[in-house]
Protein backbone atom coordinates (compact mmCIF):
# COMPACT_ATOMS: atom_id res chain seq x y z
CA MET A 1 -33.46 112.09 225.51
CA PRO A 2 -33.45 108.42 224.58
CA SER A 3 -36.49 108.99 222.35
CA GLU A 4 -34.64 111.78 220.54
CA ILE A 5 -31.65 109.46 219.91
CA HIS A 6 -33.99 106.72 218.79
CA HIS A 7 -35.76 109.15 216.43
CA ALA A 8 -32.41 110.40 215.02
CA ASP A 9 -31.24 106.79 214.43
CA ASN A 10 -34.45 106.01 212.53
CA GLN A 11 -34.04 109.17 210.44
CA ASP A 12 -30.41 108.25 209.65
CA ARG A 13 -31.48 104.75 208.62
CA ARG A 14 -34.24 106.12 206.37
CA ASP A 15 -31.82 108.57 204.74
CA PHE A 16 -29.30 105.75 204.22
CA VAL A 17 -31.95 103.48 202.64
CA LYS A 18 -33.12 106.34 200.39
CA LYS A 19 -29.57 107.03 199.24
CA VAL A 20 -28.85 103.35 198.54
CA ALA A 21 -32.13 103.02 196.63
CA ALA A 22 -31.29 106.12 194.57
CA VAL A 23 -27.83 104.72 193.72
CA VAL A 24 -29.30 101.32 192.73
CA VAL A 25 -32.04 102.87 190.55
CA GLY A 26 -29.54 105.27 188.96
CA ALA A 27 -27.08 102.45 188.23
CA LEU A 28 -29.81 100.28 186.67
CA SER A 29 -31.13 103.15 184.56
CA THR A 30 -27.59 103.68 183.22
CA LEU A 31 -26.43 100.07 182.87
CA VAL A 32 -29.49 98.65 181.08
CA PRO A 33 -29.27 101.01 178.04
CA ALA A 34 -25.47 100.73 178.04
CA ALA A 35 -25.66 96.91 178.00
CA ALA A 36 -28.26 97.01 175.20
CA GLY A 37 -26.04 99.32 173.15
CA LEU A 38 -23.03 97.09 173.73
CA MET A 39 -25.01 94.04 172.60
CA VAL A 40 -26.00 95.80 169.35
CA LEU A 41 -22.42 96.94 168.78
CA CYS A 42 -21.04 93.45 169.34
CA ASP A 43 -23.73 91.63 167.34
CA PRO A 44 -21.52 91.11 164.26
CA LEU A 45 -18.90 89.51 166.49
CA ARG A 46 -21.46 87.14 167.99
CA SER A 47 -22.99 86.22 164.63
CA ARG A 48 -21.90 83.01 163.04
CA LEU A 49 -19.90 83.68 159.88
CA THR A 50 -21.32 82.20 156.69
CA ASP A 51 -19.29 80.81 153.84
CA ALA A 52 -18.99 83.48 151.15
CA ARG A 53 -18.42 80.72 148.59
CA GLN A 54 -21.99 79.63 148.21
CA TRP A 55 -23.74 77.50 145.60
CA VAL A 56 -26.18 79.69 143.68
CA ARG A 57 -28.70 78.73 141.00
CA VAL A 58 -27.82 80.96 138.05
CA THR A 59 -29.94 79.83 135.08
CA SER A 60 -31.28 76.81 133.25
CA LEU A 61 -29.32 74.73 130.76
CA ASP A 62 -31.62 75.55 127.83
CA THR A 63 -30.62 79.26 127.96
CA LEU A 64 -27.03 78.41 126.98
CA PRO A 65 -26.30 78.01 123.27
CA ASP A 66 -24.71 74.77 122.00
CA ASP A 67 -22.09 76.68 119.98
CA GLY A 68 -19.83 77.38 123.00
CA VAL A 69 -20.38 81.15 122.98
CA PRO A 70 -20.17 82.48 126.55
CA ARG A 71 -23.17 84.21 128.11
CA LYS A 72 -22.98 86.63 131.01
CA TYR A 73 -25.32 86.04 133.96
CA THR A 74 -25.90 88.11 137.06
CA VAL A 75 -25.53 86.07 140.25
CA VAL A 76 -28.39 86.81 142.63
CA ALA A 77 -28.35 85.46 146.17
CA ALA A 78 -28.81 86.37 149.80
CA SER A 79 -26.08 88.59 151.17
CA ALA A 80 -25.33 90.09 154.56
CA ASP A 81 -23.30 92.91 155.97
CA ALA A 82 -22.52 93.52 159.61
CA TRP A 83 -26.11 94.11 160.70
CA ASN A 84 -28.41 93.43 157.74
CA ARG A 85 -29.42 90.46 155.60
CA PHE A 86 -30.59 91.05 152.04
CA LEU A 87 -32.52 88.51 149.99
CA ASN A 88 -32.18 88.29 146.19
CA GLU A 89 -29.40 90.84 145.80
CA PRO A 90 -26.91 90.88 142.91
CA ILE A 91 -23.60 89.65 144.38
CA GLY A 92 -21.61 89.40 141.15
CA ALA A 93 -21.66 87.95 137.63
CA VAL A 94 -20.31 84.95 135.73
CA TYR A 95 -19.67 83.90 132.16
CA LEU A 96 -21.08 80.46 131.37
CA ARG A 97 -20.35 78.45 128.22
CA ARG A 98 -21.13 74.95 127.07
CA THR A 99 -18.20 72.66 126.40
CA GLY A 100 -20.42 69.62 125.77
CA PRO A 101 -24.10 68.63 125.87
CA ALA A 102 -24.27 68.86 129.69
CA THR A 103 -20.80 70.16 130.58
CA LEU A 104 -20.13 73.79 131.33
CA ARG A 105 -17.32 76.19 132.20
CA ALA A 106 -17.86 79.13 134.52
CA PHE A 107 -15.65 82.19 134.96
CA ASN A 108 -15.95 85.13 137.31
CA VAL A 109 -16.35 88.30 135.20
CA VAL A 110 -13.84 90.24 137.34
CA CYS A 111 -10.43 90.77 135.74
CA PRO A 112 -7.63 89.36 137.93
CA HIS A 113 -5.46 92.41 137.16
CA ALA A 114 -7.33 95.31 138.73
CA GLY A 115 -10.92 94.17 139.30
CA CYS A 116 -12.72 95.58 136.24
CA PHE A 117 -15.45 93.53 134.54
CA VAL A 118 -14.22 91.79 131.38
CA ASP A 119 -16.26 91.70 128.17
CA TYR A 120 -16.67 88.83 125.74
CA VAL A 121 -15.51 89.98 122.29
CA PRO A 122 -16.90 87.71 119.56
CA GLY A 123 -14.43 88.97 116.92
CA MET A 124 -11.42 87.83 118.94
CA GLN A 125 -13.09 84.66 120.28
CA GLY A 126 -12.19 85.63 123.83
CA PHE A 127 -12.47 88.11 126.67
CA ARG A 128 -10.95 91.57 127.00
CA CYS A 129 -10.67 93.89 129.97
CA PRO A 130 -11.65 97.46 129.02
CA CYS A 131 -9.54 99.02 131.79
CA HIS A 132 -5.99 97.92 130.94
CA GLY A 133 -6.32 95.65 127.91
CA SER A 134 -5.85 92.22 129.48
CA ALA A 135 -6.89 89.55 126.97
CA PHE A 136 -8.13 86.02 127.72
CA ALA A 137 -8.96 83.02 125.53
CA LEU A 138 -12.27 81.13 125.71
CA ASP A 139 -10.71 78.72 128.22
CA GLY A 140 -9.84 81.66 130.52
CA ALA A 141 -6.06 81.54 129.89
CA ILE A 142 -4.12 84.73 129.13
CA SER A 143 -4.08 85.04 125.33
CA ASP A 144 -1.75 88.02 124.93
CA PRO A 145 1.79 87.78 126.41
CA THR A 146 1.80 91.56 126.98
CA SER A 147 -1.37 91.33 129.08
CA PRO A 148 -0.97 93.02 132.49
CA SER A 149 -3.11 90.38 134.23
CA PRO A 150 -1.06 88.20 136.60
CA ARG A 151 -3.24 85.10 135.94
CA GLY A 152 -6.04 83.85 133.73
CA LEU A 153 -9.72 84.36 134.43
CA ASP A 154 -10.89 82.86 137.71
CA SER A 155 -12.79 79.65 137.04
CA LEU A 156 -15.64 78.60 139.29
CA GLU A 157 -17.17 75.24 140.08
CA VAL A 158 -20.36 74.60 138.10
CA GLU A 159 -22.95 71.81 138.30
CA VAL A 160 -26.09 70.85 136.40
CA ARG A 161 -28.73 69.74 138.90
CA SER A 162 -32.16 68.23 138.35
CA GLY A 163 -31.36 67.80 134.66
CA SER A 164 -31.45 71.49 133.73
CA GLU A 165 -30.61 73.82 136.65
CA VAL A 166 -27.19 75.46 136.40
CA TRP A 167 -25.59 76.02 139.81
CA VAL A 168 -22.30 77.88 140.38
CA ARG A 169 -20.19 77.95 143.52
CA PHE A 170 -19.70 81.71 143.43
CA HIS A 171 -16.94 83.70 145.08
CA ASN A 172 -14.52 86.48 144.28
CA PHE A 173 -10.74 86.43 144.28
CA LEU A 174 -8.13 88.99 145.25
CA ALA A 175 -7.04 91.00 142.19
CA GLY A 176 -3.42 91.80 141.38
CA HIS A 177 -1.86 88.52 142.60
CA LYS A 178 -0.45 85.63 140.61
CA GLU A 179 -2.09 83.20 143.05
CA LYS A 180 -5.85 82.68 143.06
CA ILE A 181 -6.68 83.87 146.59
CA PRO A 182 -10.38 83.66 147.59
CA ILE A 183 -11.85 86.70 149.30
CA ALA A 184 -13.65 85.64 152.49
């Protein structure tokens, strides 16, 4: 009889070890993919945020006429969304104009009223928004008192580097507000 009890105890121990091993393997096979999925889901939260207001090389100084007429340039830079990074993507546009031999003015092409792109109109010596008729002078100020825009065109910092490279600190601003509020 003692050998039967001893044999039953060994069988119970083996069954217990099998059950524990099955629970451990099952838990690992569930937790590892779940943890990997959670890491992917939380990746944007773990990523370091970059400054949206970045310096971007836009053109060279010799492409801008000396007569002060604005030229529109597409701003191309690296951009990122929650999970992807894109190199050399259009992120916006600017108007550049010479105000002196090596001095420039830069304006974001987005109308501060409702976010449409403004056009330069040579006949009026200024900018006009095709959506709601906002009008701006060459210096970016509102030129028509009946203009629906709450502020003038959004100016941007501009630098000439290495003698001829035109760099702009590009960013967008919140439309529809009197204050110039940068969009992060």
